[in-house]
N, C-alpha and C. Protein backbone atom coordinates (compact mmCIF):
# COMPACT_ATOMS: atom_id res chain seq x y z
N UNK A 1 78.12 120.47 84.11
CA UNK A 1 79.10 120.69 85.40
C UNK A 1 80.12 121.95 84.52
N UNK A 2 80.08 122.77 85.81
CA UNK A 2 81.00 124.22 84.96
C UNK A 2 82.68 123.73 84.45
N UNK A 3 82.98 124.42 83.77
CA UNK A 3 84.53 123.89 83.47
C UNK A 3 85.48 123.77 84.57
N UNK A 4 85.40 124.75 85.30
CA UNK A 4 86.23 125.15 86.50
C UNK A 4 86.17 123.95 87.63
N UNK A 5 84.85 123.48 87.76
CA UNK A 5 84.35 122.25 88.68
C UNK A 5 85.16 121.17 87.89
N UNK A 6 84.86 120.88 86.45
CA UNK A 6 85.03 119.95 85.68
C UNK A 6 86.91 119.82 85.71
N UNK A 7 87.65 120.74 85.56
CA UNK A 7 88.89 121.02 85.86
C UNK A 7 89.55 120.13 87.14
N UNK A 8 88.65 120.98 88.47
CA UNK A 8 89.34 120.50 89.58
C UNK A 8 88.85 118.80 89.93
N UNK A 9 87.95 118.21 89.16
CA UNK A 9 87.28 116.95 89.07
C UNK A 9 88.71 116.02 88.34
N UNK A 10 88.99 116.77 87.31
CA UNK A 10 89.81 115.98 86.32
C UNK A 10 91.11 115.67 87.06
N UNK A 11 91.49 117.06 87.69
CA UNK A 11 93.01 117.32 88.62
C UNK A 11 92.93 115.90 89.37
N UNK A 12 91.45 115.95 90.32
CA UNK A 12 91.55 115.00 91.55
C UNK A 12 91.78 113.41 90.64
N UNK A 13 91.19 113.14 89.53
CA UNK A 13 91.36 111.85 89.18
C UNK A 13 92.95 111.44 88.85
N UNK A 14 93.37 112.77 88.45
CA UNK A 14 94.98 112.78 88.04
C UNK A 14 95.96 112.44 89.09
N UNK A 15 95.63 113.21 89.93
CA UNK A 15 96.40 112.72 91.29
C UNK A 15 96.23 111.52 91.94
N UNK A 16 94.86 111.03 91.89
CA UNK A 16 94.58 109.70 92.27
C UNK A 16 95.25 108.70 91.74
N UNK A 17 95.46 108.55 90.14
CA UNK A 17 96.34 107.75 89.19
C UNK A 17 97.91 107.98 89.52
N UNK A 18 98.51 109.17 89.77
CA UNK A 18 99.74 109.31 90.38
C UNK A 18 100.16 108.94 91.70
N UNK A 19 99.12 108.97 92.76
CA UNK A 19 99.27 108.29 93.91
C UNK A 19 99.32 106.77 93.66
N UNK A 20 98.21 106.11 92.73
CA UNK A 20 98.31 104.55 92.49
C UNK A 20 99.48 104.21 91.73
N UNK A 21 100.11 104.97 91.05
CA UNK A 21 101.43 104.55 90.37
C UNK A 21 102.63 104.66 91.20
N UNK A 22 102.65 105.85 92.24
CA UNK A 22 103.44 105.57 93.28
C UNK A 22 103.73 104.45 94.31
N UNK A 23 102.23 103.94 94.58
CA UNK A 23 102.26 102.87 95.39
C UNK A 23 102.47 101.58 94.46
N UNK A 24 102.40 101.48 93.40
CA UNK A 24 103.12 100.36 92.49
C UNK A 24 104.62 100.66 92.48
N UNK A 25 104.94 101.41 92.20
CA UNK A 25 106.28 101.82 92.32
C UNK A 25 107.10 101.37 93.48
N UNK A 26 106.64 101.88 94.56
CA UNK A 26 106.98 101.42 95.84
C UNK A 26 107.25 99.87 96.22
N UNK A 27 106.06 99.45 95.92
CA UNK A 27 105.63 98.26 95.87
C UNK A 27 106.71 97.19 95.31
N UNK A 28 106.85 97.52 94.09
CA UNK A 28 107.69 96.76 92.88
C UNK A 28 109.10 97.08 93.59
N UNK A 29 109.70 98.17 93.89
CA UNK A 29 110.97 98.42 94.60
C UNK A 29 111.45 97.52 95.67
N UNK A 30 110.35 97.54 96.61
CA UNK A 30 110.53 96.95 98.06
C UNK A 30 110.31 95.25 97.66
N UNK A 31 109.57 94.67 96.72
CA UNK A 31 109.35 93.41 96.49
C UNK A 31 110.77 92.74 95.91
N UNK A 32 110.80 93.38 94.87
CA UNK A 32 112.17 93.28 94.14
C UNK A 32 113.66 93.28 94.99
N UNK A 33 113.38 94.19 95.88
CA UNK A 33 114.69 94.01 96.82
C UNK A 33 114.43 92.91 97.69
N UNK A 34 113.28 92.52 98.19
CA UNK A 34 113.25 91.40 98.99
C UNK A 34 114.01 90.18 98.13
N UNK A 35 113.41 89.99 97.07
CA UNK A 35 113.84 88.90 96.20
C UNK A 35 115.19 88.96 95.97
N UNK A 36 116.04 89.72 95.66
CA UNK A 36 117.32 90.00 95.37
C UNK A 36 118.24 89.80 96.35
N UNK A 37 117.65 89.88 97.73
CA UNK A 37 118.51 89.65 98.86
C UNK A 37 118.22 88.17 99.23
N UNK A 38 117.23 87.57 99.16
CA UNK A 38 116.85 86.24 99.06
C UNK A 38 116.78 85.75 100.58
N UNK A 39 117.23 84.37 101.20
CA UNK A 39 116.51 84.28 102.21
C UNK A 39 118.17 83.73 102.77
N UNK A 40 118.14 83.09 103.87
CA UNK A 40 119.43 82.81 104.67
C UNK A 40 119.74 83.98 105.89
N UNK A 41 121.06 84.01 105.97
CA UNK A 41 121.33 85.12 107.14
C UNK A 41 120.63 86.49 106.69
N UNK A 42 121.17 86.83 105.31
CA UNK A 42 120.78 88.31 105.18
C UNK A 42 119.60 88.82 105.01
N UNK A 43 118.53 87.97 104.97
CA UNK A 43 117.11 87.79 105.12
C UNK A 43 116.91 88.47 106.77
N UNK A 44 117.50 87.80 107.38
CA UNK A 44 116.86 88.14 108.91
C UNK A 44 117.74 89.36 109.72
N UNK A 45 118.44 90.25 108.75
CA UNK A 45 118.97 91.46 109.20
C UNK A 45 117.99 92.50 109.32
N UNK A 46 118.12 93.61 110.31
CA UNK A 46 117.34 94.49 110.95
C UNK A 46 117.07 95.32 109.70
N UNK A 47 117.99 95.84 108.78
CA UNK A 47 117.75 96.61 107.89
C UNK A 47 116.65 96.09 106.62
N UNK A 48 116.78 95.08 106.55
CA UNK A 48 116.13 94.45 105.55
C UNK A 48 114.34 94.20 106.02
N UNK A 49 114.26 93.96 107.22
CA UNK A 49 113.16 93.79 107.73
C UNK A 49 112.21 95.11 107.85
N UNK A 50 113.02 95.99 108.39
CA UNK A 50 112.56 97.67 108.45
C UNK A 50 112.22 98.17 107.13
N UNK A 51 112.73 97.82 106.41
CA UNK A 51 112.96 98.19 104.92
C UNK A 51 111.78 97.71 104.28
N UNK A 52 111.51 96.44 104.07
CA UNK A 52 110.42 95.65 103.56
C UNK A 52 109.14 96.29 104.36
N UNK A 53 109.08 96.41 105.86
CA UNK A 53 108.12 97.02 106.37
C UNK A 53 107.79 98.55 105.97
N UNK A 54 108.71 99.11 106.04
CA UNK A 54 108.47 100.64 105.61
C UNK A 54 108.01 100.80 104.21
N UNK A 55 108.55 99.91 103.11
CA UNK A 55 107.97 100.14 101.82
C UNK A 55 106.57 99.71 101.68
N UNK A 56 106.45 98.71 102.53
CA UNK A 56 104.68 98.05 102.04
C UNK A 56 103.89 99.25 102.95
N UNK A 57 104.34 99.72 103.95
CA UNK A 57 103.38 100.88 104.51
C UNK A 57 103.59 101.95 103.44
N UNK A 58 104.40 102.34 102.91
CA UNK A 58 104.35 103.62 101.94
C UNK A 58 103.47 103.18 100.93
N UNK A 59 103.50 102.01 100.35
CA UNK A 59 102.69 101.67 99.23
C UNK A 59 101.41 101.56 99.90
N UNK A 60 100.81 101.27 100.84
CA UNK A 60 99.37 101.12 101.47
C UNK A 60 99.10 102.76 101.74
N UNK A 61 99.92 103.40 102.52
CA UNK A 61 99.48 104.49 102.25
C UNK A 61 99.12 105.84 101.15
N UNK A 62 100.10 105.28 99.86
CA UNK A 62 100.08 105.67 98.82
C UNK A 62 98.63 105.53 98.19
N UNK A 63 98.16 103.81 98.03
CA UNK A 63 97.09 103.76 97.82
C UNK A 63 96.00 104.37 98.40
N UNK A 64 95.97 104.31 99.83
CA UNK A 64 94.78 105.10 100.53
C UNK A 64 94.36 106.28 100.04
N UNK A 65 95.48 107.12 99.77
CA UNK A 65 95.28 108.47 99.41
C UNK A 65 94.86 108.52 98.05
N UNK A 66 95.24 107.89 97.10
CA UNK A 66 94.95 107.76 95.70
C UNK A 66 93.34 107.30 95.70
N UNK A 67 92.72 106.29 96.53
CA UNK A 67 91.35 106.20 96.87
C UNK A 67 90.60 107.41 97.66
N UNK A 68 91.24 107.77 98.66
CA UNK A 68 90.82 109.39 98.89
C UNK A 68 90.49 110.21 97.64
N UNK A 69 91.36 110.46 96.53
CA UNK A 69 91.45 111.33 95.79
C UNK A 69 90.07 110.79 95.02
N UNK A 70 90.13 109.55 94.51
CA UNK A 70 89.03 109.05 93.56
C UNK A 70 87.55 109.38 94.25
N UNK A 71 87.39 109.33 95.50
CA UNK A 71 85.91 109.66 96.17
C UNK A 71 85.43 110.77 96.11
N UNK A 72 86.81 111.73 96.19
CA UNK A 72 86.59 113.20 96.30
C UNK A 72 86.14 113.67 95.01
N UNK A 73 86.86 112.90 93.94
CA UNK A 73 86.41 113.12 92.21
C UNK A 73 84.84 112.35 92.30
N UNK A 74 84.58 111.65 92.99
CA UNK A 74 83.37 110.92 92.38
C UNK A 74 82.12 111.94 93.44
N UNK A 75 82.45 112.39 94.54
CA UNK A 75 81.66 113.36 95.42
C UNK A 75 81.45 114.69 94.36
N UNK A 76 82.52 114.94 93.88
CA UNK A 76 82.45 116.34 93.20
C UNK A 76 81.36 116.03 92.15
N UNK A 77 81.42 114.95 91.42
CA UNK A 77 80.81 114.37 90.26
C UNK A 77 79.04 114.28 90.46
N UNK A 78 79.11 114.11 91.73
CA UNK A 78 77.55 114.03 92.03
C UNK A 78 77.02 115.12 92.81
N UNK A 79 77.91 116.21 92.75
CA UNK A 79 77.47 117.63 93.35
C UNK A 79 77.21 117.62 94.85
N UNK A 80 78.02 116.48 95.52
CA UNK A 80 77.67 116.18 97.06
C UNK A 80 78.73 117.28 97.68
N UNK A 81 78.23 117.83 98.89
CA UNK A 81 79.12 118.94 99.62
C UNK A 81 80.00 118.12 100.28
N UNK A 82 80.01 116.96 100.83
CA UNK A 82 81.11 116.29 101.11
C UNK A 82 82.26 115.93 100.32
N UNK A 83 81.78 115.97 98.99
CA UNK A 83 83.24 115.76 98.06
C UNK A 83 83.73 117.30 97.69
N UNK A 84 83.07 118.31 97.98
CA UNK A 84 83.62 119.53 97.68
C UNK A 84 84.53 119.79 99.04
N UNK A 85 84.55 119.01 100.59
CA UNK A 85 84.99 119.27 101.38
C UNK A 85 86.46 118.59 101.12
N UNK A 86 86.01 117.24 100.79
CA UNK A 86 86.78 116.74 100.76
C UNK A 86 88.28 116.61 99.53
N UNK A 87 87.43 117.48 98.52
CA UNK A 87 88.20 117.97 97.65
C UNK A 87 89.09 119.04 97.80
N UNK A 88 88.94 119.90 98.83
CA UNK A 88 89.29 121.20 99.12
C UNK A 88 90.86 120.42 100.22
N UNK A 89 90.16 119.57 100.94
CA UNK A 89 91.20 119.05 101.83
C UNK A 89 92.45 118.69 100.76
N UNK A 90 92.06 117.54 99.76
CA UNK A 90 93.34 117.09 99.12
C UNK A 90 93.81 118.17 98.33
N UNK A 91 93.31 119.40 97.83
CA UNK A 91 93.97 120.45 97.19
C UNK A 91 95.00 121.10 98.10
N UNK A 92 94.50 121.38 99.28
CA UNK A 92 95.17 121.90 100.21
C UNK A 92 96.63 121.15 100.69
N UNK A 93 96.67 119.43 100.91
CA UNK A 93 97.49 118.68 100.92
C UNK A 93 98.53 118.53 99.87
N UNK A 94 97.92 118.76 98.60
CA UNK A 94 98.79 118.82 97.47
C UNK A 94 99.80 119.92 97.14
N UNK A 95 99.15 121.15 97.59
CA UNK A 95 99.73 122.36 97.23
C UNK A 95 101.29 122.34 97.95
N UNK A 96 101.90 121.96 98.96
CA UNK A 96 103.22 122.02 98.95
C UNK A 96 104.05 121.06 98.37
N UNK A 97 103.32 119.99 97.77
CA UNK A 97 104.07 118.88 96.73
C UNK A 97 104.88 119.58 95.75
N UNK A 98 105.71 120.52 95.52
CA UNK A 98 106.47 120.68 94.55
C UNK A 98 107.08 120.11 93.51
N UNK A 99 106.53 119.94 91.98
CA UNK A 99 105.75 121.04 91.48
C UNK A 99 104.63 120.63 90.68
N UNK A 100 104.35 118.94 90.91
CA UNK A 100 103.39 118.68 90.19
C UNK A 100 102.16 118.72 91.14
N UNK A 101 102.20 118.28 92.44
CA UNK A 101 101.27 118.51 93.48
C UNK A 101 100.85 120.24 93.59
N UNK A 102 101.65 121.31 93.52
CA UNK A 102 101.37 122.61 93.52
C UNK A 102 100.40 122.94 92.52
N UNK A 103 100.52 122.65 91.19
CA UNK A 103 99.69 122.93 90.24
C UNK A 103 98.82 122.03 90.08
N UNK A 104 98.54 120.79 90.56
CA UNK A 104 97.43 120.16 90.76
C UNK A 104 96.34 120.61 91.84
N UNK A 105 97.27 120.85 93.12
CA UNK A 105 96.41 121.66 94.11
C UNK A 105 95.81 123.10 93.96
N UNK A 106 96.70 123.75 93.28
CA UNK A 106 95.83 125.22 92.90
C UNK A 106 94.89 124.91 91.93
N UNK A 107 94.95 124.15 90.63
CA UNK A 107 93.45 124.10 89.97
C UNK A 107 92.28 123.51 90.76
N UNK A 108 92.55 122.46 91.60
CA UNK A 108 91.60 121.82 92.45
C UNK A 108 91.10 123.04 93.27
N UNK A 109 91.83 123.94 94.16
CA UNK A 109 91.15 125.00 95.09
C UNK A 109 90.33 125.97 94.21
N UNK A 110 90.96 126.59 93.03
CA UNK A 110 90.44 127.56 92.45
C UNK A 110 89.23 126.90 91.57
N UNK A 111 89.10 125.49 91.13
CA UNK A 111 88.01 125.28 90.71
C UNK A 111 86.82 124.74 91.82
N UNK A 112 87.09 124.37 92.92
CA UNK A 112 86.16 124.54 94.20
C UNK A 112 85.88 125.60 95.19
N UNK A 113 86.60 126.65 94.79
CA UNK A 113 86.01 127.91 95.75
C UNK A 113 85.31 128.88 94.88
N UNK A 114 85.61 128.72 93.77
CA UNK A 114 84.43 129.98 93.10
C UNK A 114 83.29 129.88 92.93
N UNK A 115 82.76 130.95 92.11
CA UNK A 115 81.20 131.13 91.78
C UNK A 115 80.62 129.67 91.34
N UNK A 116 81.41 129.36 90.22
CA UNK A 116 81.06 128.16 89.63
C UNK A 116 80.61 126.96 90.58
N UNK A 117 81.69 126.64 91.51
CA UNK A 117 81.42 125.80 92.56
C UNK A 117 80.18 126.04 93.51
N UNK A 118 79.99 127.38 93.72
CA UNK A 118 79.03 127.90 94.77
C UNK A 118 77.36 127.30 93.98
N UNK A 119 77.19 127.68 92.73
CA UNK A 119 76.30 127.22 92.09
C UNK A 119 76.25 125.75 91.50
N UNK A 120 77.43 125.06 91.61
CA UNK A 120 77.24 123.56 91.26
C UNK A 120 76.87 122.66 92.49
N UNK A 121 77.62 123.55 93.61
CA UNK A 121 77.01 122.82 94.86
C UNK A 121 75.84 123.03 95.44
N UNK A 122 75.30 124.03 94.91
CA UNK A 122 74.16 124.79 95.63
C UNK A 122 73.99 125.51 96.71
N UNK A 123 74.86 126.46 96.98
CA UNK A 123 75.19 127.22 97.90
C UNK A 123 74.61 128.54 97.66
């Protein structure tokens, strides 16, 4: 595997780990908030219900995005063209997420768009 493609694959894995950490953090925050609020009248407040559902949705979305990153990294490692396409999609989505996402996205895009990538994926 060429070095640039290896770096892009590594950045995809790092992005996936960061998204899983984000999912875990959101789950922890919203579960601990629910425990602190407790039962009774306060548990039935509209804000508590909305925050609980919103937190669970954000955690699920972050975990799903992490799985997408891991799938892209696996596809790149197997020389699959769908892995390259998925990796490019992830890289484009990461670029606006300043500062860490920008750096990871640029490395992913530069690794999956160059001559090394064409040779690796057989184009």
